[in-house]
Protein backbone atom coordinates (compact mmCIF):
# COMPACT_ATOMS: atom_id res chain seq x y z
CA MET A 1 80.27 65.38 104.66
CA GLU A 2 79.09 62.26 102.89
CA LYS A 3 82.43 60.02 103.27
CA GLU A 4 84.96 59.92 106.45
CA PHE A 5 88.25 60.77 105.65
CA LYS A 6 91.64 60.78 107.68
CA VAL A 7 92.82 63.57 109.34
CA TYR A 8 95.90 64.29 110.98
CA HIS A 9 97.68 67.14 113.05
CA LEU A 10 100.85 68.30 113.74
CA SER A 11 102.29 70.66 116.57
CA ILE A 12 104.94 72.92 116.04
CA PRO A 13 106.53 75.19 118.56
CA GLY A 14 106.61 78.59 118.30
CA LYS A 15 109.87 81.19 119.21
CA ALA A 16 110.23 83.20 121.89
CA VAL A 17 110.40 86.84 121.02
CA GLU A 18 113.29 87.65 122.92
CA MET A 19 115.90 85.23 120.43
CA PHE A 20 114.62 87.55 117.34
CA ASN A 21 117.24 90.12 118.88
CA GLU A 22 119.44 88.96 115.98
CA PRO A 23 121.16 91.42 113.19
CA LEU A 24 118.96 89.36 110.45
CA TYR A 25 115.86 89.98 111.95
CA LEU A 26 116.81 94.19 113.55
CA ASN A 27 114.93 95.60 110.89
CA LYS A 28 111.24 97.59 110.38
CA SER A 29 109.18 98.29 107.56
CA LYS A 30 109.54 102.31 106.28
CA ARG A 31 105.75 102.23 105.40
CA ILE A 32 104.03 100.45 108.74
CA LYS A 33 104.81 99.61 112.04
CA PHE A 34 105.84 96.04 111.14
CA ASP A 35 109.50 95.62 112.93
CA GLY A 36 111.62 92.15 113.34
CA ILE A 37 111.17 92.12 108.96
CA ILE A 38 114.46 90.23 107.48
CA ASP A 39 114.49 92.76 104.26
CA GLU A 40 111.71 95.12 102.79
CA HIS A 41 111.78 95.73 98.63
CA GLU A 42 110.08 98.98 97.15
CA ILE A 43 108.70 98.26 93.78
CA ILE A 44 108.11 100.92 91.44
CA SER A 45 106.52 100.94 88.29
CA GLU A 46 103.23 102.37 86.06
CA GLN A 47 100.76 100.50 87.92
CA GLY A 48 101.72 101.91 90.67
CA GLU A 49 104.06 101.58 94.04
CA ASP A 50 104.23 98.76 95.95
CA TYR A 51 106.13 97.47 99.31
CA ILE A 52 106.89 93.97 99.86
CA SER A 53 108.56 92.29 103.08
CA LEU A 54 110.20 88.84 103.78
CA ALA A 55 109.90 88.39 107.44
CA PRO A 56 110.34 85.47 109.75
CA LYS A 57 107.32 84.16 112.09
CA PHE A 58 107.29 83.68 115.90
CA LYS A 59 104.15 81.06 115.56
CA PRO A 60 105.47 79.18 112.63
CA HIS A 61 103.81 76.63 110.85
CA SER A 62 106.99 74.84 109.79
CA ASP A 63 110.72 74.36 110.59
CA PHE A 64 111.86 77.03 108.62
CA GLU A 65 108.84 78.96 107.63
CA MET A 66 109.20 82.81 105.85
CA MET A 67 106.80 84.81 104.41
CA LEU A 68 106.50 87.41 101.59
CA GLN A 69 103.88 90.12 102.94
CA SER A 70 102.76 93.41 101.26
CA THR A 71 103.37 96.17 103.86
CA ASP A 72 102.35 98.99 102.28
CA ASN A 73 100.76 101.83 104.41
CA VAL A 74 97.10 101.06 102.11
CA VAL A 75 96.24 97.17 102.97
CA LYS A 76 96.47 94.80 99.97
CA SER A 77 94.66 91.74 100.24
CA PRO A 78 93.88 90.78 96.49
CA SER A 79 96.23 89.41 94.34
CA THR A 80 94.31 92.15 92.11
CA SER A 81 95.14 95.05 94.25
CA LEU A 82 99.04 94.11 93.38
CA THR A 83 100.82 95.50 90.85
CA ASP A 84 102.33 92.55 88.48
CA GLU A 85 106.01 93.20 89.06
CA ALA A 86 104.84 92.74 92.87
CA ILE A 87 103.40 89.62 91.80
CA HIS A 88 106.30 88.49 89.87
CA TYR A 89 109.00 89.31 93.11
CA ILE A 90 106.25 87.42 95.42
CA PHE A 91 106.45 84.66 93.31
CA GLY A 92 109.77 84.51 91.35
CA THR A 93 111.13 84.51 95.41
CA GLY A 94 109.12 81.66 96.10
CA TYR A 95 110.46 80.03 93.21
CA LYS A 96 114.09 80.42 94.41
CA PHE A 97 112.93 78.89 97.77
CA ILE A 98 112.27 75.77 95.44
CA LYS A 99 115.42 76.14 93.86
CA PHE A 100 117.51 76.95 97.32
CA LEU A 101 116.31 73.29 98.50
CA SER A 102 116.79 71.89 95.33
CA ASP A 103 120.48 72.25 96.34
CA PRO A 104 122.43 69.07 97.92
CA GLU A 105 124.48 71.13 99.50
CA VAL A 106 121.52 73.15 101.32
CA VAL A 107 119.79 69.71 101.79
CA GLU A 108 122.53 68.22 103.30
CA LYS A 109 123.29 71.09 105.81
CA TYR A 110 119.65 71.75 107.19
CA GLY A 111 118.93 68.32 107.54
CA MET A 112 116.21 68.74 104.69
CA GLU A 113 116.10 65.00 103.07
CA GLY A 114 113.06 63.78 103.40
CA GLY A 115 111.44 67.01 104.16
CA TYR A 116 108.38 69.26 102.44
CA PRO A 117 108.38 72.23 100.99
CA TYR A 118 105.30 74.06 100.33
CA LEU A 119 103.58 77.49 99.04
CA VAL A 120 100.54 79.40 99.98
CA PHE A 121 98.14 82.25 100.41
CA ASN A 122 94.93 83.33 101.46
CA TYR A 123 92.63 85.37 100.53
CA ASP A 124 89.64 86.51 103.12
CA GLU A 125 89.84 90.21 103.31
CA PHE A 126 86.22 91.34 104.52
CA THR A 127 85.57 88.88 107.47
CA THR A 128 86.55 91.01 110.38
CA ASP A 129 83.59 90.06 112.75
CA ARG A 130 85.05 86.58 113.36
CA HIS A 131 88.42 84.58 112.88
CA SER A 132 89.29 83.60 109.97
CA GLY A 133 92.08 82.12 107.74
CA MET A 134 93.24 85.45 106.81
CA SER A 135 94.49 86.55 110.25
CA LYS A 136 96.98 89.35 108.61
CA LYS A 137 94.70 90.73 105.86
CA PRO A 138 97.64 92.39 103.56
CA PHE A 139 98.53 89.62 100.86
CA HIS A 140 101.04 87.47 102.00
CA LEU A 141 102.54 83.97 100.91
CA HIS A 142 103.76 81.54 103.52
CA LEU A 143 107.26 79.82 102.38
CA ASN A 144 106.54 76.86 104.82
CA SER A 145 109.37 73.50 104.67
CA TRP A 146 109.50 70.45 107.11
CA LYS A 147 112.41 68.20 107.79
CA LYS A 148 111.36 64.61 108.09
CA GLU A 149 111.67 64.53 112.01
CA THR A 150 109.44 66.69 111.77
CA ILE A 151 106.56 65.46 109.77
CA ASP A 152 107.55 61.98 111.45
CA ARG A 153 105.45 63.65 114.60
CA ILE A 154 102.40 63.86 112.39
CA GLU A 155 99.53 62.26 114.39
CA GLU A 156 95.93 61.13 113.36
CA ILE A 157 92.74 63.21 114.69
CA LYS A 158 90.18 60.45 116.59
CA ARG A 159 87.06 62.75 116.20
CA ASP A 160 85.61 61.05 119.25
CA GLU A 161 88.82 62.62 121.24
CA VAL A 162 88.07 65.87 120.33
CA SER A 163 85.99 68.93 120.51
CA PRO A 164 83.09 68.71 117.77
CA TYR A 165 83.83 72.40 117.11
CA TYR A 166 87.77 71.87 116.73
CA TYR A 167 86.51 69.19 114.02
CA GLU A 168 84.34 71.40 112.26
CA SER A 169 87.38 73.89 112.23
CA VAL A 170 89.16 71.35 110.54
CA VAL A 171 87.18 69.65 108.13
CA ASP A 172 84.89 72.57 107.08
CA PRO A 173 80.94 71.20 106.22
CA ILE A 174 81.39 71.78 102.76
CA PHE A 175 84.45 70.62 101.95
CA ASP A 176 82.79 67.78 99.59
CA LEU A 177 81.81 69.99 97.55
CA THR A 178 84.62 72.50 97.15
CA ARG A 179 86.50 70.91 94.88
CA THR A 180 83.46 70.46 92.41
CA LEU A 181 83.01 74.36 92.86
CA ALA A 182 86.53 75.38 92.38
CA TYR A 183 86.57 73.12 89.15
CA ASP A 184 84.06 74.92 87.46
CA ALA A 185 84.66 78.57 88.57
CA LEU A 186 88.31 77.98 87.24
CA ASP A 187 87.01 76.05 83.65
CA CYS A 188 88.10 79.02 81.35
CA GLU A 189 90.52 79.17 78.58
CA GLU A 190 92.53 81.84 80.35
CA LEU A 191 93.67 78.93 82.86
CA ASN A 192 92.99 76.22 80.96
CA GLN A 193 96.17 77.10 79.07
CA TYR A 194 98.58 77.20 82.22
CA LEU A 195 96.63 74.37 83.69
CA GLU A 196 95.17 70.35 83.62
CA LYS A 197 93.29 68.67 86.56
CA ALA A 198 95.19 66.09 87.96
CA ASN A 199 94.44 64.03 91.22
CA PRO A 200 97.80 63.33 93.20
CA ILE A 201 97.30 60.23 95.69
CA CYS A 202 98.53 61.00 99.82
CA GLY A 203 98.98 57.80 101.17
CA ASP A 204 95.85 56.20 100.56
CA GLN A 205 93.65 59.22 100.02
CA GLU A 206 92.95 62.41 97.52
CA ILE A 207 92.83 65.64 98.35
CA PHE A 208 89.08 65.24 98.49
CA TYR A 209 88.66 69.40 99.60
CA SER A 210 90.77 71.28 97.00
CA GLY A 211 90.55 71.50 93.24
CA ILE A 212 93.91 69.79 92.27
CA TYR A 213 95.88 71.28 89.26
CA LYS A 214 99.16 70.24 87.16
CA VAL A 215 100.85 73.27 86.53
CA LYS A 216 102.01 72.84 82.61
CA GLY A 217 104.82 74.94 83.41
CA GLY A 218 106.20 73.05 86.40
CA TRP A 219 107.54 74.96 89.37
CA GLN A 220 109.65 77.71 87.22
CA PHE A 221 105.64 78.99 85.97
CA LEU A 222 105.77 80.89 89.47
CA ASN A 223 109.21 83.06 88.25
CA SER A 224 107.62 83.68 84.42
CA GLU A 225 105.79 87.01 83.32
CA GLU A 226 102.34 85.12 82.49
CA PHE A 227 101.91 84.51 86.17
CA PRO A 228 100.65 87.70 87.71
CA HIS A 229 97.82 87.71 84.85
CA PHE A 230 97.28 84.43 85.62
CA LEU A 231 96.47 84.84 89.82
CA LYS A 232 94.89 87.66 88.58
CA THR A 233 92.15 85.45 86.74
CA ILE A 234 91.89 83.22 90.10
CA HIS A 235 90.77 85.60 91.95
CA ASN A 236 88.60 87.07 89.56
CA ARG A 237 86.79 83.94 88.29
CA LEU A 238 86.63 82.81 92.19
CA GLU A 239 84.93 86.28 93.26
CA THR A 240 82.69 86.63 90.30
CA ARG A 241 81.32 82.85 90.99
CA TYR A 242 80.85 83.57 94.67
CA LYS A 243 78.90 86.54 93.68
CA GLU A 244 76.57 84.33 91.37
CA ILE A 245 75.89 81.62 94.14
CA LEU A 246 75.64 84.58 96.78
CA LYS A 247 72.83 85.69 94.23
CA CYS A 248 71.06 82.18 93.74
CA PHE A 249 70.82 81.77 97.71
CA THR A 250 69.73 85.42 98.56
CA GLY A 251 69.00 87.16 95.90
CA LYS A 252 72.00 89.28 96.46
CA ASP A 253 75.51 90.21 94.84
CA THR A 254 76.36 92.57 97.48
CA MET A 255 78.56 92.08 100.51
CA PRO A 256 76.61 92.14 103.63
CA GLU A 257 76.71 94.98 106.76
CA LEU A 258 79.36 94.01 109.28
CA PHE A 259 78.04 91.64 111.95
CA THR A 260 75.25 90.57 109.53
CA ARG A 261 75.00 87.78 106.95
CA HIS A 262 72.25 87.98 103.74
CA ALA A 263 68.66 86.28 104.59
CA LEU A 264 68.39 83.38 102.58
CA LEU A 265 65.51 83.18 100.08
CA PRO A 266 62.91 80.09 100.42
CA GLN A 267 64.17 77.03 99.03
CA GLU A 268 62.20 76.73 96.40
CA GLN A 269 63.19 79.61 94.78
CA ILE A 270 66.75 79.20 95.70
CA ILE A 271 66.63 75.70 93.69
CA ASP A 272 64.70 77.53 90.60
CA ASN A 273 67.69 80.38 90.88
CA ILE A 274 70.42 77.48 90.15
CA ILE A 275 68.40 75.43 87.75
CA GLU A 276 67.80 78.42 85.68
CA SER A 277 72.05 79.11 86.63
CA ASN A 278 74.65 78.44 83.38
CA PHE A 279 76.52 76.56 86.04
CA GLN A 280 77.56 73.11 84.78
CA GLU A 281 75.66 70.35 85.76
CA THR A 282 77.86 69.08 88.48
CA THR A 283 78.34 72.88 90.25
CA GLN A 284 73.96 72.86 90.30
CA GLU A 285 73.92 69.25 92.10
CA ALA A 286 76.60 70.80 94.67
CA LEU A 287 74.59 73.48 95.29
CA VAL A 288 71.28 71.81 96.11
CA LYS A 289 73.47 69.76 98.48
CA LEU A 290 74.21 72.74 100.21
CA ILE A 291 71.01 74.02 101.05
CA PRO A 292 70.69 72.11 103.81
CA ARG A 293 74.01 73.07 105.47
CA VAL A 294 73.12 76.53 105.35
CA ARG A 295 70.71 79.01 107.20
CA THR A 296 69.77 82.14 107.87
CA ILE A 297 71.03 84.12 111.15
CA THR A 298 69.24 86.83 111.92
CA ASN A 299 71.00 89.99 113.46
CA GLU A 300 70.33 88.99 116.69
CA GLU A 301 71.13 85.22 116.11
CA PHE A 302 74.28 86.55 115.22
CA GLN A 303 74.78 88.73 118.63
CA GLU A 304 74.10 85.54 120.49
CA LEU A 305 76.44 83.46 118.91
CA CYS A 306 78.82 85.71 119.29
CA LYS A 307 78.90 85.07 122.60
CA ASN A 308 80.58 81.67 122.44
CA THR A 309 83.88 81.70 119.87
CA ASP A 310 83.22 78.27 118.92
CA LEU A 311 79.40 78.60 118.07
CA ARG A 312 80.54 82.13 116.36
CA ASP A 313 83.31 80.37 114.24
CA THR A 314 81.66 77.22 113.25
CA ILE A 315 78.00 78.05 112.60
CA ILE A 316 78.57 81.71 111.30
CA PRO A 317 79.72 81.89 107.49
CA MET A 318 82.67 83.77 106.54
CA ARG A 319 81.13 87.48 105.16
CA TRP A 320 82.49 87.58 101.55
CA VAL A 321 84.70 85.01 98.75
CA ALA A 322 87.42 82.85 100.67
CA TYR A 323 89.91 80.66 99.52
CA SER A 324 93.43 79.34 99.77
CA VAL A 325 96.17 78.35 96.63
CA GLY A 326 99.00 76.42 97.74
CA PHE A 327 101.53 75.15 95.48
CA PHE A 328 103.42 71.76 96.11
CA SER A 329 104.61 68.85 94.60
CA ASN A 330 103.46 65.21 96.18
CA ALA A 331 106.91 63.98 96.75
CA TYR A 332 109.46 64.43 99.84
CA ILE A 333 112.74 66.01 99.29
CA GLU A 334 115.65 63.99 97.87
CA LYS A 335 119.19 65.36 97.75
CA ASP A 336 120.55 63.95 94.89
CA TYR A 337 117.35 65.02 92.72
CA PRO A 338 116.28 68.38 92.54
CA TYR A 339 113.22 69.46 94.07
CA GLU A 340 111.89 72.07 91.06
CA GLU A 341 112.25 68.87 88.33
CA GLU A 342 109.31 67.54 90.56
CA THR A 343 105.90 67.99 89.51
CA CYS A 344 103.88 70.89 90.67
CA TYR A 345 100.51 70.98 91.83
CA MET A 346 98.32 74.12 92.46
CA ASN A 347 95.45 73.47 94.76
CA CYS A 348 92.40 75.79 95.62
CA THR A 349 90.41 75.47 98.29
CA PRO A 350 86.83 77.70 98.38
CA ARG A 351 86.42 78.37 102.37
CA LEU A 352 82.66 78.65 103.80
CA PHE A 353 82.91 78.14 107.31
CA THR A 354 86.54 76.86 108.53
CA LYS A 355 88.34 80.39 110.12
CA ILE A 356 91.77 77.64 109.22
CA GLY A 357 93.68 79.24 106.05
CA GLY A 358 95.66 77.04 104.01
CA ALA A 359 98.57 77.21 105.80
CA SER A 360 97.42 75.20 108.54
CA ILE A 361 95.14 72.82 106.89
CA MET A 362 97.19 71.21 104.17
CA ASN A 363 98.34 68.16 102.43
CA PHE A 364 101.72 66.44 102.92
CA PRO A 365 102.77 63.40 100.11
CA ASP A 366 101.46 60.42 102.81
CA ARG A 367 98.69 62.88 104.19
CA SER A 368 95.57 64.68 102.44
CA LEU A 369 94.61 66.57 105.26
CA VAL A 370 96.54 67.88 108.22
CA LYS A 371 96.58 70.58 110.72
CA ILE A 372 98.84 72.29 111.53
CA ASP A 373 98.44 73.67 115.36
CA ARG A 374 101.17 76.24 116.28
CA GLY A 375 102.66 77.85 119.20
CA GLU A 376 102.78 74.35 120.93
CA GLY A 377 106.21 74.40 122.78
CA LYS A 378 108.99 76.60 122.44
CA PHE A 379 112.40 76.23 120.21
CA SER A 380 114.97 75.48 121.84
CA GLN A 381 118.18 77.91 121.51
CA GLU A 382 119.86 75.24 119.57
CA GLU A 383 116.61 74.67 117.01
CA PHE A 384 116.45 78.71 116.88
CA ASP A 385 119.76 79.18 115.49
CA HIS A 386 119.80 76.61 112.82
CA HIS A 387 116.48 78.06 111.52
CA VAL A 388 118.56 81.60 111.77
CA GLU A 389 121.29 80.12 109.50
CA PHE A 390 118.83 78.75 107.19
CA GLN A 391 117.25 82.08 106.90
CA LYS A 392 120.72 83.73 106.81
CA GLU A 393 121.43 81.33 104.05
CA PHE A 394 118.21 81.69 101.77
CA VAL A 395 118.50 85.98 101.78
CA LYS A 396 122.39 85.29 100.99
CA LYS A 397 120.86 83.62 97.72
CA LEU A 398 118.25 86.25 96.99
CA GLU A 399 121.63 89.06 97.71
CA LEU A 400 119.26 90.92 99.31
CA ARG A 401 121.63 92.30 102.27
CA ARG A 402 125.02 93.20 101.76
CA LYS A 403 127.66 91.59 104.54
């Protein structure tokens, strides 16, 4: 990367499996082997059928994390594989989560004053030959929220004190290019009516690795009828642009065979392809800068690299388009001000090398890039009980379960 940025990490403890022997979690999916869920919602429409489950996390990213996951027996990874009704249900529930954290009584009861919520999902369906940011391939939205006392534990990562492989998994080598690539790919009338480029500052730094937008409709937009088409348009635009870039570099726009990556064209041909493309000038410049950062990996080299997981996960690129999309406000929770009234931002982060998704590499109001290290230690019984009560109350607000 051309510039040095401060990066941070935050350790979050895991939860012992036996702790989940609670009535709230003693539920099973009807379609797949997935136990320990809170609720499964069946959605039947003219577009098809979906099953969406609300579930806790054994190794959460935050104090009170839940996720909404597709639990159909057919794996549905991209937003485009879900019905509009399913997307409306998932993100409408996400909006209700923000409304829940806008309730002064909830903020007071669960110690969320000065806390921070964050909604995010990843897409990386086809990278199955190395680690990727989408460890669970079915579509899932993370509902995260941190307490102030947890946020206060965030520490800076000292580059000379950690493994270079750890650092490169946190800071994708093309993170200085991804903002440009995202802005170009998503620049269209269909999306511009809902989004406005933005540059919120986290402490003293920009969120340099993402395309950042102000969501014109605010948090309420997540609950709108237009949102499913909006989300599917984002996916289609990113996938189309990935294919176009891949063709510039390799002459191919198809998925490589498993355990392979397409060979690169000669550098002069790549540059000619970029110049002849209809990409914006800033994107063409970014792609030229990308050339020295990627290389051909032969099938034999692939096998050798796979013998060392650090090399595999930092040198071999993702197999197909990979990205994360997050929704946040660049502000902490205040009991006397409804969080749903805060400015809502969306970030879009293309990924090429990092194996870590957008739920573990994300931004806080005072820090632009924080790596979440999960499962470091264990929640105490008291902490877990507090976690259960939080989720019970949210579920009650959703009226999902009958008492």
